Amino acid sequence: MNTTRTIRRFPLGHVVATPGALAALDASGQSPHELLARHVAGDWGDVSEADWQENERSLRAGFRVLSAYTTNQGTTLWVITEADRSVTTLLLPSDY
């Protein structure tokens, strides 16, 4: 039995994804839940140290947070949670 739980540092709100993000996840055989679990736990993925620190400040101040992850196929995906925590979007950078 797997008792590992993700520590949620903030609410995700309503989760949505662009068609491009869903296609990239499907092509890589990955689930959006994998990226969402990392994001909500505060693992910001493939961002610079400055962006990592900005996300930490944004959590405290109530601003938007952005994570970047690379799929098994090499595609970059962003996960953005809005400042009011009402919605989290999975998208390709080109969808922004």
PDB file of N, CA and C in Angstrom:
ATOM      1  N   MET A   1       0.841  -1.181   0.000  1.00  0.00           N
ATOM      2  CA  MET A   1       0.000   0.000   0.000  1.00  0.00           C
ATOM      3  C   MET A   1       0.884   1.240   0.000  1.00  0.00           C
ATOM      4  N   ASN A   2       0.620   2.162  -0.902  1.00  0.00           N
ATOM      5  CA  ASN A   2       1.383   3.397  -1.002  1.00  0.00           C
ATOM      6  C   ASN A   2       0.760   4.445  -0.088  1.00  0.00           C
ATOM      7  N   THR A   3       1.502   4.856   0.915  1.00  0.00           N
ATOM      8  CA  THR A   3       0.995   5.853   1.856  1.00  0.00           C
ATOM      9  C   THR A   3       1.615   7.225   1.628  1.00  0.00           C
ATOM     10  N   THR A   4       2.368   7.376   0.549  1.00  0.00           N
ATOM     11  CA  THR A   4       2.981   8.657   0.233  1.00  0.00           C
ATOM     12  C   THR A   4       1.900   9.657  -0.141  1.00  0.00           C
ATOM     13  N   ARG A   5       1.950  10.816   0.489  1.00  0.00           N
ATOM     14  CA  ARG A   5       0.989  11.872   0.204  1.00  0.00           C
ATOM     15  C   ARG A   5       1.742  13.125  -0.215  1.00  0.00           C
ATOM     16  N   THR A   6       1.144  13.856  -1.117  1.00  0.00           N
ATOM     17  CA  THR A   6       1.718  15.124  -1.533  1.00  0.00           C
ATOM     18  C   THR A   6       1.328  16.190  -0.523  1.00  0.00           C
ATOM     19  N   ILE A   7       2.308  16.937  -0.044  1.00  0.00           N
ATOM     20  CA  ILE A   7       2.023  18.068   0.823  1.00  0.00           C
ATOM     21  C   ILE A   7       1.630  19.227  -0.072  1.00  0.00           C
ATOM     22  N   ARG A   8       0.422  19.695   0.104  1.00  0.00           N
ATOM     23  CA  ARG A   8      -0.094  20.792  -0.714  1.00  0.00           C
ATOM     24  C   ARG A   8       0.252  22.119  -0.050  1.00  0.00           C
ATOM     25  N   ARG A   9       1.027  22.917  -0.752  1.00  0.00           N
ATOM     26  CA  ARG A   9       1.435  24.210  -0.207  1.00  0.00           C
ATOM     27  C   ARG A   9       0.445  25.313  -0.516  1.00  0.00           C
ATOM     28  N   PHE A  10      -0.470  25.054  -1.456  1.00  0.00           N
ATOM     29  CA  PHE A  10      -1.470  26.046  -1.853  1.00  0.00           C
ATOM     30  C   PHE A  10      -2.566  25.328  -2.622  1.00  0.00           C
ATOM     31  N   PRO A  11      -3.755  25.915  -2.716  1.00  0.00           N
ATOM     32  CA  PRO A  11      -4.829  25.290  -3.492  1.00  0.00           C
ATOM     33  C   PRO A  11      -4.618  25.504  -4.991  1.00  0.00           C
ATOM     34  N   LEU A  12      -5.011  24.527  -5.776  1.00  0.00           N
ATOM     35  CA  LEU A  12      -4.897  24.617  -7.235  1.00  0.00           C
ATOM     36  C   LEU A  12      -6.105  25.286  -7.873  1.00  0.00           C
ATOM     37  N   GLY A  13      -7.233  25.280  -7.186  1.00  0.00           N
ATOM     38  CA  GLY A  13      -8.452  25.791  -7.797  1.00  0.00           C
ATOM     39  C   GLY A  13      -8.913  24.846  -8.894  1.00  0.00           C
ATOM     40  N   HIS A  14      -9.586  25.392  -9.888  1.00  0.00           N
ATOM     41  CA  HIS A  14     -10.061  24.612 -11.031  1.00  0.00           C
ATOM     42  C   HIS A  14      -8.866  24.326 -11.940  1.00  0.00           C
ATOM     43  N   VAL A  15      -8.652  23.071 -12.304  1.00  0.00           N
ATOM     44  CA  VAL A  15      -7.505  22.698 -13.144  1.00  0.00           C
ATOM     45  C   VAL A  15      -7.969  22.559 -14.589  1.00  0.00           C
ATOM     46  N   VAL A  16      -7.267  23.247 -15.475  1.00  0.00           N
ATOM     47  CA  VAL A  16      -7.550  23.191 -16.909  1.00  0.00           C
ATOM     48  C   VAL A  16      -6.248  22.953 -17.662  1.00  0.00           C
ATOM     49  N   ALA A  17      -6.369  22.514 -18.908  1.00  0.00           N
ATOM     50  CA  ALA A  17      -5.186  22.276 -19.745  1.00  0.00           C
ATOM     51  C   ALA A  17      -5.516  22.623 -21.185  1.00  0.00           C
ATOM     52  N   THR A  18      -4.515  23.128 -21.885  1.00  0.00           N
ATOM     53  CA  THR A  18      -4.692  23.421 -23.301  1.00  0.00           C
ATOM     54  C   THR A  18      -4.588  22.116 -24.096  1.00  0.00           C
ATOM     55  N   PRO A  19      -5.184  22.089 -25.290  1.00  0.00           N
ATOM     56  CA  PRO A  19      -5.062  20.892 -26.127  1.00  0.00           C
ATOM     57  C   PRO A  19      -3.603  20.515 -26.399  1.00  0.00           C
ATOM     58  N   GLY A  20      -2.746  21.503 -26.594  1.00  0.00           N
ATOM     59  CA  GLY A  20      -1.335  21.225 -26.857  1.00  0.00           C
ATOM     60  C   GLY A  20      -0.650  20.557 -25.678  1.00  0.00           C
ATOM     61  N   ALA A  21      -0.973  21.006 -24.471  1.00  0.00           N
ATOM     62  CA  ALA A  21      -0.394  20.396 -23.272  1.00  0.00           C
ATOM     63  C   ALA A  21      -0.867  18.961 -23.122  1.00  0.00           C
ATOM     64  N   LEU A  22      -2.147  18.731 -23.346  1.00  0.00           N
ATOM     65  CA  LEU A  22      -2.684  17.370 -23.242  1.00  0.00           C
ATOM     66  C   LEU A  22      -2.055  16.452 -24.283  1.00  0.00           C
ATOM     67  N   ALA A  23      -1.848  16.961 -25.496  1.00  0.00           N
ATOM     68  CA  ALA A  23      -1.223  16.157 -26.544  1.00  0.00           C
ATOM     69  C   ALA A  23       0.220  15.825 -26.178  1.00  0.00           C
ATOM     70  N   ALA A  24       0.946  16.788 -25.621  1.00  0.00           N
ATOM     71  CA  ALA A  24       2.341  16.552 -25.227  1.00  0.00           C
ATOM     72  C   ALA A  24       2.416  15.517 -24.111  1.00  0.00           C
ATOM     73  N   LEU A  25       1.516  15.594 -23.157  1.00  0.00           N
ATOM     74  CA  LEU A  25       1.487  14.612 -22.075  1.00  0.00           C
ATOM     75  C   LEU A  25       1.147  13.228 -22.613  1.00  0.00           C
ATOM     76  N   ASP A  26       0.177  13.161 -23.502  1.00  0.00           N
ATOM     77  CA  ASP A  26      -0.214  11.884 -24.102  1.00  0.00           C
ATOM     78  C   ASP A  26       0.961  11.275 -24.875  1.00  0.00           C
ATOM     79  N   ALA A  27       1.667  12.092 -25.649  1.00  0.00           N
ATOM     80  CA  ALA A  27       2.799  11.612 -26.440  1.00  0.00           C
ATOM     81  C   ALA A  27       3.929  11.094 -25.551  1.00  0.00           C
ATOM     82  N   SER A  28       4.047  11.656 -24.350  1.00  0.00           N
ATOM     83  CA  SER A  28       5.120  11.244 -23.445  1.00  0.00           C
ATOM     84  C   SER A  28       4.704  10.100 -22.523  1.00  0.00           C
ATOM     85  N   GLY A  29       3.411   9.765 -22.546  1.00  0.00           N
ATOM     86  CA  GLY A  29       2.917   8.717 -21.664  1.00  0.00           C
ATOM     87  C   GLY A  29       2.838   9.158 -20.212  1.00  0.00           C
ATOM     88  N   GLN A  30       2.785  10.461 -19.996  1.00  0.00           N
ATOM     89  CA  GLN A  30       2.737  11.008 -18.639  1.00  0.00           C
ATOM     90  C   GLN A  30       1.342  11.528 -18.317  1.00  0.00           C
ATOM     91  N   SER A  31       1.071  11.584 -17.038  1.00  0.00           N
ATOM     92  CA  SER A  31      -0.208  12.066 -16.550  1.00  0.00           C
ATOM     93  C   SER A  31      -0.080  13.508 -16.082  1.00  0.00           C
ATOM     94  N   PRO A  32      -1.106  14.313 -16.279  1.00  0.00           N
ATOM     95  CA  PRO A  32      -1.053  15.670 -15.733  1.00  0.00           C
ATOM     96  C   PRO A  32      -0.920  15.667 -14.214  1.00  0.00           C
ATOM     97  N   HIS A  33      -1.407  14.619 -13.560  1.00  0.00           N
ATOM     98  CA  HIS A  33      -1.328  14.523 -12.101  1.00  0.00           C
ATOM     99  C   HIS A  33       0.119  14.541 -11.617  1.00  0.00           C
ATOM    100  N   GLU A  34       1.019  13.965 -12.401  1.00  0.00           N
ATOM    101  CA  GLU A  34       2.439  13.948 -12.048  1.00  0.00           C
ATOM    102  C   GLU A  34       2.980  15.370 -11.917  1.00  0.00           C
ATOM    103  N   LEU A  35       2.670  16.214 -12.899  1.00  0.00           N
ATOM    104  CA  LEU A  35       3.157  17.589 -12.886  1.00  0.00           C
ATOM    105  C   LEU A  35       2.439  18.417 -11.828  1.00  0.00           C
ATOM    106  N   LEU A  36       1.142  18.200 -11.693  1.00  0.00           N
ATOM    107  CA  LEU A  36       0.374  18.940 -10.696  1.00  0.00           C
ATOM    108  C   LEU A  36       0.846  18.633  -9.273  1.00  0.00           C
ATOM    109  N   ALA A  37       1.190  17.371  -9.009  1.00  0.00           N
ATOM    110  CA  ALA A  37       1.676  16.990  -7.684  1.00  0.00           C
ATOM    111  C   ALA A  37       2.991  17.701  -7.370  1.00  0.00           C
ATOM    112  N   ARG A  38       3.869  17.796  -8.340  1.00  0.00           N
ATOM    113  CA  ARG A  38       5.139  18.501  -8.132  1.00  0.00           C
ATOM    114  C   ARG A  38       4.890  19.987  -7.902  1.00  0.00           C
ATOM    115  N   HIS A  39       4.038  20.564  -8.731  1.00  0.00           N
ATOM    116  CA  HIS A  39       3.729  21.996  -8.662  1.00  0.00           C
ATOM    117  C   HIS A  39       3.154  22.372  -7.296  1.00  0.00           C
ATOM    118  N   VAL A  40       2.135  21.662  -6.853  1.00  0.00           N
ATOM    119  CA  VAL A  40       1.452  22.002  -5.603  1.00  0.00           C
ATOM    120  C   VAL A  40       2.340  21.754  -4.382  1.00  0.00           C
ATOM    121  N   ALA A  41       3.345  20.892  -4.534  1.00  0.00           N
ATOM    122  CA  ALA A  41       4.278  20.625  -3.445  1.00  0.00           C
ATOM    123  C   ALA A  41       5.409  21.661  -3.387  1.00  0.00           C
ATOM    124  N   GLY A  42       5.482  22.541  -4.403  1.00  0.00           N
ATOM    125  CA  GLY A  42       6.534  23.556  -4.424  1.00  0.00           C
ATOM    126  C   GLY A  42       7.792  23.132  -5.142  1.00  0.00           C
ATOM    127  N   ASP A  43       7.714  22.068  -5.944  1.00  0.00           N
ATOM    128  CA  ASP A  43       8.824  21.676  -6.824  1.00  0.00           C
ATOM    129  C   ASP A  43       8.566  22.391  -8.141  1.00  0.00           C
ATOM    130  N   TRP A  44       9.227  23.507  -8.342  1.00  0.00           N
ATOM    131  CA  TRP A  44       8.945  24.371  -9.492  1.00  0.00           C
ATOM    132  C   TRP A  44       9.573  23.881 -10.784  1.00  0.00           C
ATOM    133  N   GLY A  45      10.307  22.786 -10.741  1.00  0.00           N
ATOM    134  CA  GLY A  45      10.833  22.171 -11.955  1.00  0.00           C
ATOM    135  C   GLY A  45      12.015  22.894 -12.545  1.00  0.00           C
ATOM    136  N   ASP A  46      11.956  23.093 -13.854  1.00  0.00           N
ATOM    137  CA  ASP A  46      13.074  23.609 -14.642  1.00  0.00           C
ATOM    138  C   ASP A  46      13.032  25.128 -14.760  1.00  0.00           C
ATOM    139  N   VAL A  47      13.085  25.813 -13.611  1.00  0.00           N
ATOM    140  CA  VAL A  47      13.137  27.275 -13.613  1.00  0.00           C
ATOM    141  C   VAL A  47      14.472  27.708 -13.016  1.00  0.00           C
ATOM    142  N   SER A  48      14.849  28.934 -13.282  1.00  0.00           N
ATOM    143  CA  SER A  48      16.104  29.457 -12.740  1.00  0.00           C
ATOM    144  C   SER A  48      15.993  29.610 -11.224  1.00  0.00           C
ATOM    145  N   GLU A  49      17.128  29.781 -10.577  1.00  0.00           N
ATOM    146  CA  GLU A  49      17.131  30.008  -9.129  1.00  0.00           C
ATOM    147  C   GLU A  49      16.332  31.270  -8.783  1.00  0.00           C
ATOM    148  N   ALA A  50      16.480  32.302  -9.598  1.00  0.00           N
ATOM    149  CA  ALA A  50      15.740  33.552  -9.362  1.00  0.00           C
ATOM    150  C   ALA A  50      14.237  33.319  -9.461  1.00  0.00           C
ATOM    151  N   ASP A  51      13.807  32.551 -10.464  1.00  0.00           N
ATOM    152  CA  ASP A  51      12.376  32.251 -10.616  1.00  0.00           C
ATOM    153  C   ASP A  51      11.879  31.357  -9.485  1.00  0.00           C
ATOM    154  N   TRP A  52      12.739  30.439  -9.023  1.00  0.00           N
ATOM    155  CA  TRP A  52      12.382  29.577  -7.893  1.00  0.00           C
ATOM    156  C   TRP A  52      12.093  30.449  -6.663  1.00  0.00           C
ATOM    157  N   GLN A  53      13.005  31.390  -6.394  1.00  0.00           N
ATOM    158  CA  GLN A  53      12.837  32.284  -5.249  1.00  0.00           C
ATOM    159  C   GLN A  53      11.619  33.196  -5.425  1.00  0.00           C
ATOM    160  N   GLU A  54      11.371  33.627  -6.655  1.00  0.00           N
ATOM    161  CA  GLU A  54      10.192  34.458  -6.922  1.00  0.00           C
ATOM    162  C   GLU A  54       8.906  33.684  -6.625  1.00  0.00           C
ATOM    163  N   ASN A  55       8.871  32.415  -6.984  1.00  0.00           N
ATOM    164  CA  ASN A  55       7.697  31.590  -6.660  1.00  0.00           C
ATOM    165  C   ASN A  55       7.517  31.486  -5.151  1.00  0.00           C
ATOM    166  N   GLU A  56       8.599  31.333  -4.420  1.00  0.00           N
ATOM    167  CA  GLU A  56       8.498  31.255  -2.962  1.00  0.00           C
ATOM    168  C   GLU A  56       7.940  32.564  -2.395  1.00  0.00           C
ATOM    169  N   ARG A  57       8.420  33.696  -2.903  1.00  0.00           N
ATOM    170  CA  ARG A  57       7.881  34.998  -2.478  1.00  0.00           C
ATOM    171  C   ARG A  57       6.415  35.122  -2.875  1.00  0.00           C
ATOM    172  N   SER A  58       6.088  34.649  -4.068  1.00  0.00           N
ATOM    173  CA  SER A  58       4.711  34.740  -4.557  1.00  0.00           C
ATOM    174  C   SER A  58       3.746  33.934  -3.704  1.00  0.00           C
ATOM    175  N   LEU A  59       4.199  32.796  -3.189  1.00  0.00           N
ATOM    176  CA  LEU A  59       3.346  32.021  -2.284  1.00  0.00           C
ATOM    177  C   LEU A  59       3.017  32.827  -1.035  1.00  0.00           C
ATOM    178  N   ARG A  60       4.022  33.470  -0.469  1.00  0.00           N
ATOM    179  CA  ARG A  60       3.815  34.252   0.753  1.00  0.00           C
ATOM    180  C   ARG A  60       2.967  35.486   0.501  1.00  0.00           C
ATOM    181  N   ALA A  61       3.156  36.117  -0.652  1.00  0.00           N
ATOM    182  CA  ALA A  61       2.474  37.378  -0.951  1.00  0.00           C
ATOM    183  C   ALA A  61       1.140  37.190  -1.674  1.00  0.00           C
ATOM    184  N   GLY A  62       0.859  35.969  -2.109  1.00  0.00           N
ATOM    185  CA  GLY A  62      -0.406  35.727  -2.810  1.00  0.00           C
ATOM    186  C   GLY A  62      -0.387  36.108  -4.277  1.00  0.00           C
ATOM    187  N   PHE A  63       0.761  35.928  -4.925  1.00  0.00           N
ATOM    188  CA  PHE A  63       0.866  36.201  -6.364  1.00  0.00           C
ATOM    189  C   PHE A  63       0.826  34.894  -7.156  1.00  0.00           C
ATOM    190  N   ARG A  64       0.812  35.019  -8.469  1.00  0.00           N
ATOM    191  CA  ARG A  64       0.790  33.868  -9.371  1.00  0.00           C
ATOM    192  C   ARG A  64       2.090  33.078  -9.262  1.00  0.00           C
ATOM    193  N   VAL A  65       1.994  31.748  -9.394  1.00  0.00           N
ATOM    194  CA  VAL A  65       3.185  30.899  -9.397  1.00  0.00           C
ATOM    195  C   VAL A  65       3.246  30.116 -10.706  1.00  0.00           C
ATOM    196  N   LEU A  66       4.479  29.907 -11.194  1.00  0.00           N
ATOM    197  CA  LEU A  66       4.694  29.230 -12.464  1.00  0.00           C
ATOM    198  C   LEU A  66       5.782  28.176 -12.309  1.00  0.00           C
ATOM    199  N   SER A  67       5.470  26.977 -12.749  1.00  0.00           N
ATOM    200  CA  SER A  67       6.445  25.893 -12.802  1.00  0.00           C
ATOM    201  C   SER A  67       6.694  25.535 -14.263  1.00  0.00           C
ATOM    202  N   ALA A  68       7.855  24.973 -14.534  1.00  0.00           N
ATOM    203  CA  ALA A  68       8.193  24.510 -15.885  1.00  0.00           C
ATOM    204  C   ALA A  68       8.762  23.099 -15.767  1.00  0.00           C
ATOM    205  N   TYR A  69       8.241  22.203 -16.575  1.00  0.00           N
ATOM    206  CA  TYR A  69       8.684  20.809 -16.552  1.00  0.00           C
ATOM    207  C   TYR A  69       8.954  20.348 -17.976  1.00  0.00           C
ATOM    208  N   THR A  70       9.859  19.395 -18.106  1.00  0.00           N
ATOM    209  CA  THR A  70      10.167  18.804 -19.398  1.00  0.00           C
ATOM    210  C   THR A  70       9.620  17.386 -19.410  1.00  0.00           C
ATOM    211  N   THR A  71       8.823  17.065 -20.425  1.00  0.00           N
ATOM    212  CA  THR A  71       8.256  15.724 -20.526  1.00  0.00           C
ATOM    213  C   THR A  71       9.339  14.725 -20.922  1.00  0.00           C
ATOM    214  N   ASN A  72       8.989  13.457 -20.855  1.00  0.00           N
ATOM    215  CA  ASN A  72       9.908  12.388 -21.271  1.00  0.00           C
ATOM    216  C   ASN A  72      10.311  12.523 -22.738  1.00  0.00           C
ATOM    217  N   GLN A  73       9.510  13.230 -23.522  1.00  0.00           N
ATOM    218  CA  GLN A  73       9.799  13.431 -24.945  1.00  0.00           C
ATOM    219  C   GLN A  73      10.526  14.754 -25.205  1.00  0.00           C
ATOM    220  N   GLY A  74      10.854  15.496 -24.144  1.00  0.00           N
ATOM    221  CA  GLY A  74      11.623  16.729 -24.306  1.00  0.00           C
ATOM    222  C   GLY A  74      10.806  17.983 -24.523  1.00  0.00           C
ATOM    223  N   THR A  75       9.504  17.912 -24.339  1.00  0.00           N
ATOM    224  CA  THR A  75       8.639  19.077 -24.516  1.00  0.00           C
ATOM    225  C   THR A  75       8.493  19.820 -23.189  1.00  0.00           C
ATOM    226  N   THR A  76       8.643  21.133 -23.236  1.00  0.00           N
ATOM    227  CA  THR A  76       8.463  21.946 -22.038  1.00  0.00           C
ATOM    228  C   THR A  76       6.989  22.246 -21.834  1.00  0.00           C
ATOM    229  N   LEU A  77       6.536  22.059 -20.602  1.00  0.00           N
ATOM    230  CA  LEU A  77       5.173  22.410 -20.206  1.00  0.00           C
ATOM    231  C   LEU A  77       5.242  23.368 -19.033  1.00  0.00           C
ATOM    232  N   TRP A  78       4.346  24.329 -19.022  1.00  0.00           N
ATOM    233  CA  TRP A  78       4.221  25.230 -17.893  1.00  0.00           C
ATOM    234  C   TRP A  78       2.990  24.849 -17.095  1.00  0.00           C
ATOM    235  N   VAL A  79       3.054  25.066 -15.787  1.00  0.00           N
ATOM    236  CA  VAL A  79       1.899  24.952 -14.910  1.00  0.00           C
ATOM    237  C   VAL A  79       1.813  26.281 -14.172  1.00  0.00           C
ATOM    238  N   ILE A  80       0.690  26.986 -14.356  1.00  0.00           N
ATOM    239  CA  ILE A  80       0.514  28.309 -13.766  1.00  0.00           C
ATOM    240  C   ILE A  80      -0.715  28.292 -12.867  1.00  0.00           C
ATOM    241  N   THR A  81      -0.526  28.703 -11.617  1.00  0.00           N
ATOM    242  CA  THR A  81      -1.650  28.902 -10.702  1.00  0.00           C
ATOM    243  C   THR A  81      -1.818  30.400 -10.506  1.00  0.00           C
ATOM    244  N   GLU A  82      -3.032  30.872 -10.752  1.00  0.00           N
ATOM    245  CA  GLU A  82      -3.317  32.298 -10.664  1.00  0.00           C
ATOM    246  C   GLU A  82      -3.221  32.791  -9.222  1.00  0.00           C
ATOM    247  N   ALA A  83      -3.024  34.083  -9.073  1.00  0.00           N
ATOM    248  CA  ALA A  83      -2.809  34.694  -7.764  1.00  0.00           C
ATOM    249  C   ALA A  83      -3.941  34.413  -6.784  1.00  0.00           C
ATOM    250  N   ASP A  84      -5.173  34.401  -7.264  1.00  0.00           N
ATOM    251  CA  ASP A  84      -6.299  34.156  -6.359  1.00  0.00           C
ATOM    252  C   ASP A  84      -6.549  32.672  -6.123  1.00  0.00           C
ATOM    253  N   ARG A  85      -5.692  31.829  -6.711  1.00  0.00           N
ATOM    254  CA  ARG A  85      -5.747  30.368  -6.560  1.00  0.00           C
ATOM    255  C   ARG A  85      -7.059  29.777  -7.081  1.00  0.00           C
ATOM    256  N   SER A  86      -7.711  30.484  -7.988  1.00  0.00           N
ATOM    257  CA  SER A  86      -8.977  30.003  -8.534  1.00  0.00           C
ATOM    258  C   SER A  86      -8.792  29.011  -9.672  1.00  0.00           C
ATOM    259  N   VAL A  87      -7.655  29.071 -10.358  1.00  0.00           N
ATOM    260  CA  VAL A  87      -7.431  28.197 -11.509  1.00  0.00           C
ATOM    261  C   VAL A  87      -5.950  27.914 -11.673  1.00  0.00           C
ATOM    262  N   THR A  88      -5.665  26.683 -12.108  1.00  0.00           N
ATOM    263  CA  THR A  88      -4.319  26.258 -12.475  1.00  0.00           C
ATOM    264  C   THR A  88      -4.398  25.747 -13.901  1.00  0.00           C
ATOM    265  N   THR A  89      -3.474  26.204 -14.742  1.00  0.00           N
ATOM    266  CA  THR A  89      -3.480  25.850 -16.160  1.00  0.00           C
ATOM    267  C   THR A  89      -2.199  25.121 -16.530  1.00  0.00           C
ATOM    268  N   LEU A  90      -2.336  24.007 -17.234  1.00  0.00           N
ATOM    269  CA  LEU A  90      -1.206  23.322 -17.855  1.00  0.00           C
ATOM    270  C   LEU A  90      -1.187  23.754 -19.310  1.00  0.00           C
ATOM    271  N   LEU A  91      -0.034  24.224 -19.778  1.00  0.00           N
ATOM    272  CA  LEU A  91       0.040  24.726 -21.137  1.00  0.00           C
ATOM    273  C   LEU A  91       1.460  24.641 -21.693  1.00  0.00           C
ATOM    274  N   LEU A  92       1.552  24.723 -22.995  1.00  0.00           N
ATOM    275  CA  LEU A  92       2.836  24.862 -23.667  1.00  0.00           C
ATOM    276  C   LEU A  92       3.225  26.335 -23.601  1.00  0.00           C
ATOM    277  N   PRO A  93       4.507  26.653 -23.537  1.00  0.00           N
ATOM    278  CA  PRO A  93       4.900  28.070 -23.561  1.00  0.00           C
ATOM    279  C   PRO A  93       4.323  28.811 -24.768  1.00  0.00           C
ATOM    280  N   SER A  94       4.203  28.132 -25.896  1.00  0.00           N
ATOM    281  CA  SER A  94       3.651  28.785 -27.098  1.00  0.00           C
ATOM    282  C   SER A  94       2.153  29.052 -26.978  1.00  0.00           C
ATOM    283  N   ASP A  95       1.480  28.428 -25.997  1.00  0.00           N
ATOM    284  CA  ASP A  95       0.056  28.688 -25.772  1.00  0.00           C
ATOM    285  C   ASP A  95      -0.185  29.957 -24.980  1.00  0.00           C
ATOM    286  N   TYR A  96       0.873  30.487 -24.376  1.00  0.00           N
ATOM    287  CA  TYR A  96       0.723  31.630 -23.466  1.00  0.00           C
ATOM    288  C   TYR A  96       0.397  32.904 -24.199  1.00  0.00           C
TER     289      TYR A  96
END
